[in-house]
Amino acid sequence: MLLSATLSILGVTTGALAARVAALQVILIPVSVVSLGVAHYLAYRRAGPGQRRQRVVLWTATALSISFWLVPAMVR
């Protein structure tokens, strides 16, 4: 019973936070695009042998960002 009450409070809080952040989406998406662009430039400007893991993490972050950008468009 305590777990269900805790999860319901957490769900309401998360929903309220998501509604507030949705208004900032117009600003946050271009900022993240620029940040990912700079990260890709820095990762690929000189190819070193130890940068494979960095590139994998970068491409994973890029894929997650694109999916987060597309989800609100698909939900509407």
N, C-alpha and C. Protein backbone atom coordinates (compact mmCIF):
# COMPACT_ATOMS: atom_id res chain seq x y z
N MET A 1 0.82 -1.18 0.00
CA MET A 1 0.00 0.00 0.00
C MET A 1 0.87 1.26 0.00
N LEU A 2 1.92 1.23 0.77
CA LEU A 2 2.83 2.37 0.82
C LEU A 2 3.53 2.55 -0.52
N LEU A 3 3.86 1.44 -1.16
CA LEU A 3 4.52 1.52 -2.46
C LEU A 3 3.61 2.14 -3.51
N SER A 4 2.34 1.76 -3.54
CA SER A 4 1.43 2.33 -4.53
C SER A 4 1.19 3.81 -4.28
N ALA A 5 1.12 4.23 -3.03
CA ALA A 5 0.95 5.65 -2.71
C ALA A 5 2.19 6.44 -3.13
N THR A 6 3.35 5.88 -2.88
CA THR A 6 4.60 6.54 -3.27
C THR A 6 4.69 6.67 -4.78
N LEU A 7 4.37 5.61 -5.49
CA LEU A 7 4.43 5.65 -6.95
C LEU A 7 3.41 6.62 -7.54
N SER A 8 2.25 6.72 -6.93
CA SER A 8 1.25 7.66 -7.46
C SER A 8 1.69 9.10 -7.23
N ILE A 9 2.28 9.38 -6.08
CA ILE A 9 2.80 10.73 -5.82
C ILE A 9 3.93 11.04 -6.79
N LEU A 10 4.80 10.07 -7.01
CA LEU A 10 5.91 10.26 -7.95
C LEU A 10 5.39 10.49 -9.37
N GLY A 11 4.35 9.79 -9.76
CA GLY A 11 3.77 9.97 -11.09
C GLY A 11 3.16 11.34 -11.28
N VAL A 12 2.47 11.83 -10.27
CA VAL A 12 1.87 13.17 -10.34
C VAL A 12 2.95 14.23 -10.40
N THR A 13 3.99 14.06 -9.60
CA THR A 13 5.10 15.02 -9.59
C THR A 13 5.82 15.02 -10.93
N THR A 14 6.04 13.86 -11.49
CA THR A 14 6.71 13.77 -12.78
C THR A 14 5.85 14.39 -13.88
N GLY A 15 4.56 14.18 -13.83
CA GLY A 15 3.66 14.78 -14.81
C GLY A 15 3.67 16.29 -14.74
N ALA A 16 3.68 16.84 -13.53
CA ALA A 16 3.72 18.29 -13.36
C ALA A 16 5.04 18.86 -13.87
N LEU A 17 6.13 18.15 -13.60
CA LEU A 17 7.44 18.60 -14.09
C LEU A 17 7.50 18.54 -15.61
N ALA A 18 6.94 17.50 -16.19
CA ALA A 18 6.93 17.37 -17.66
C ALA A 18 6.12 18.50 -18.30
N ALA A 19 5.05 18.90 -17.67
CA ALA A 19 4.25 20.00 -18.21
C ALA A 19 5.02 21.31 -18.17
N ARG A 20 5.79 21.53 -17.13
CA ARG A 20 6.59 22.76 -17.05
C ARG A 20 7.73 22.75 -18.05
N VAL A 21 8.37 21.61 -18.24
CA VAL A 21 9.51 21.52 -19.16
C VAL A 21 9.03 21.58 -20.61
N ALA A 22 7.82 21.17 -20.89
CA ALA A 22 7.29 21.20 -22.25
C ALA A 22 7.27 22.61 -22.80
N ALA A 23 7.07 23.59 -21.95
CA ALA A 23 7.08 24.98 -22.40
C ALA A 23 8.47 25.42 -22.83
N LEU A 24 9.48 24.80 -22.27
CA LEU A 24 10.87 25.13 -22.61
C LEU A 24 11.40 24.34 -23.80
N GLN A 25 10.59 23.50 -24.37
CA GLN A 25 11.02 22.63 -25.45
C GLN A 25 11.54 23.43 -26.65
N VAL A 26 10.95 24.58 -26.90
CA VAL A 26 11.36 25.42 -28.02
C VAL A 26 12.80 25.90 -27.85
N ILE A 27 13.24 26.06 -26.63
CA ILE A 27 14.61 26.50 -26.36
C ILE A 27 15.55 25.30 -26.22
N LEU A 28 15.10 24.25 -25.56
CA LEU A 28 15.97 23.12 -25.24
C LEU A 28 16.37 22.29 -26.46
N ILE A 29 15.50 22.16 -27.44
CA ILE A 29 15.85 21.36 -28.63
C ILE A 29 16.98 22.00 -29.42
N PRO A 30 16.94 23.30 -29.75
CA PRO A 30 18.10 23.89 -30.46
C PRO A 30 19.39 23.86 -29.64
N VAL A 31 19.28 24.02 -28.32
CA VAL A 31 20.47 23.96 -27.47
C VAL A 31 21.08 22.56 -27.53
N SER A 32 20.25 21.54 -27.50
CA SER A 32 20.78 20.17 -27.56
C SER A 32 21.34 19.85 -28.94
N VAL A 33 20.73 20.39 -30.01
CA VAL A 33 21.27 20.17 -31.36
C VAL A 33 22.66 20.79 -31.48
N VAL A 34 22.81 22.00 -30.99
CA VAL A 34 24.13 22.66 -31.04
C VAL A 34 25.13 21.90 -30.18
N SER A 35 24.73 21.46 -29.00
CA SER A 35 25.63 20.72 -28.12
C SER A 35 26.08 19.40 -28.76
N LEU A 36 25.14 18.69 -29.37
CA LEU A 36 25.51 17.45 -30.04
C LEU A 36 26.41 17.72 -31.25
N GLY A 37 26.15 18.81 -31.96
CA GLY A 37 27.01 19.17 -33.09
C GLY A 37 28.44 19.44 -32.66
N VAL A 38 28.59 20.19 -31.58
CA VAL A 38 29.94 20.47 -31.05
C VAL A 38 30.60 19.18 -30.58
N ALA A 39 29.84 18.31 -29.93
CA ALA A 39 30.39 17.04 -29.46
C ALA A 39 30.85 16.16 -30.62
N HIS A 40 30.06 16.12 -31.69
CA HIS A 40 30.47 15.33 -32.87
C HIS A 40 31.72 15.93 -33.51
N TYR A 41 31.78 17.24 -33.59
CA TYR A 41 32.97 17.89 -34.15
C TYR A 41 34.21 17.54 -33.33
N LEU A 42 34.11 17.64 -32.02
CA LEU A 42 35.25 17.35 -31.17
C LEU A 42 35.64 15.87 -31.20
N ALA A 43 34.66 15.00 -31.35
CA ALA A 43 34.95 13.56 -31.37
C ALA A 43 35.60 13.12 -32.67
N TYR A 44 35.27 13.79 -33.78
CA TYR A 44 35.77 13.35 -35.08
C TYR A 44 36.84 14.26 -35.67
N ARG A 45 37.24 15.33 -34.98
CA ARG A 45 38.22 16.23 -35.59
C ARG A 45 39.58 15.59 -35.70
N ARG A 46 39.99 14.80 -34.74
CA ARG A 46 41.21 14.01 -34.88
C ARG A 46 40.92 12.61 -34.35
N ALA A 47 41.19 11.66 -35.18
CA ALA A 47 40.84 10.28 -34.85
C ALA A 47 41.97 9.66 -34.03
N GLY A 48 41.69 9.39 -32.79
CA GLY A 48 42.65 8.71 -31.93
C GLY A 48 42.20 7.29 -31.67
N PRO A 49 43.12 6.44 -31.29
CA PRO A 49 42.76 5.03 -31.09
C PRO A 49 41.84 4.81 -29.87
N GLY A 50 41.88 5.69 -28.90
CA GLY A 50 41.09 5.48 -27.69
C GLY A 50 39.74 6.17 -27.69
N GLN A 51 39.28 6.63 -28.84
CA GLN A 51 38.03 7.39 -28.89
C GLN A 51 36.83 6.55 -29.31
N ARG A 52 37.01 5.26 -29.46
CA ARG A 52 35.89 4.42 -29.88
C ARG A 52 34.75 4.44 -28.87
N ARG A 53 35.08 4.30 -27.59
CA ARG A 53 34.05 4.29 -26.55
C ARG A 53 33.35 5.65 -26.49
N GLN A 54 34.11 6.72 -26.64
CA GLN A 54 33.52 8.06 -26.63
C GLN A 54 32.52 8.23 -27.77
N ARG A 55 32.86 7.72 -28.94
CA ARG A 55 31.97 7.82 -30.09
C ARG A 55 30.71 6.98 -29.90
N VAL A 56 30.85 5.81 -29.30
CA VAL A 56 29.68 4.96 -29.05
C VAL A 56 28.72 5.66 -28.09
N VAL A 57 29.26 6.25 -27.04
CA VAL A 57 28.42 6.99 -26.09
C VAL A 57 27.77 8.19 -26.77
N LEU A 58 28.53 8.87 -27.62
CA LEU A 58 28.00 10.04 -28.33
C LEU A 58 26.86 9.65 -29.26
N TRP A 59 27.02 8.57 -30.01
CA TRP A 59 25.96 8.14 -30.93
C TRP A 59 24.75 7.62 -30.16
N THR A 60 24.97 7.02 -29.00
CA THR A 60 23.86 6.60 -28.16
C THR A 60 23.08 7.81 -27.65
N ALA A 61 23.80 8.84 -27.21
CA ALA A 61 23.14 10.07 -26.76
C ALA A 61 22.40 10.74 -27.90
N THR A 62 22.97 10.69 -29.11
CA THR A 62 22.30 11.28 -30.27
C THR A 62 21.01 10.54 -30.58
N ALA A 63 21.05 9.22 -30.56
CA ALA A 63 19.85 8.42 -30.83
C ALA A 63 18.77 8.67 -29.77
N LEU A 64 19.16 8.74 -28.51
CA LEU A 64 18.19 9.01 -27.45
C LEU A 64 17.60 10.41 -27.60
N SER A 65 18.42 11.38 -27.94
CA SER A 65 17.92 12.74 -28.12
C SER A 65 16.91 12.81 -29.26
N ILE A 66 17.22 12.18 -30.37
CA ILE A 66 16.30 12.19 -31.50
C ILE A 66 14.98 11.50 -31.13
N SER A 67 15.06 10.40 -30.40
CA SER A 67 13.83 9.73 -30.00
C SER A 67 13.01 10.60 -29.04
N PHE A 68 13.68 11.32 -28.13
CA PHE A 68 12.95 12.22 -27.24
C PHE A 68 12.34 13.39 -27.99
N TRP A 69 12.97 13.83 -29.06
CA TRP A 69 12.41 14.93 -29.86
C TRP A 69 11.17 14.46 -30.62
N LEU A 70 11.18 13.20 -31.07
CA LEU A 70 10.09 12.69 -31.90
C LEU A 70 8.88 12.22 -31.11
N VAL A 71 9.05 11.81 -29.88
CA VAL A 71 7.95 11.27 -29.09
C VAL A 71 6.80 12.26 -28.94
N PRO A 72 7.04 13.53 -28.56
CA PRO A 72 5.90 14.43 -28.43
C PRO A 72 5.16 14.65 -29.76
N ALA A 73 5.86 14.62 -30.86
CA ALA A 73 5.20 14.78 -32.16
C ALA A 73 4.32 13.58 -32.48
N MET A 74 4.73 12.39 -32.06
CA MET A 74 3.95 11.19 -32.33
C MET A 74 2.75 11.06 -31.38
N VAL A 75 2.86 11.63 -30.20
CA VAL A 75 1.78 11.53 -29.20
C VAL A 75 0.62 12.45 -29.56
N ARG A 76 0.92 13.60 -30.13
CA ARG A 76 -0.12 14.58 -30.45
C ARG A 76 -1.09 14.08 -31.45
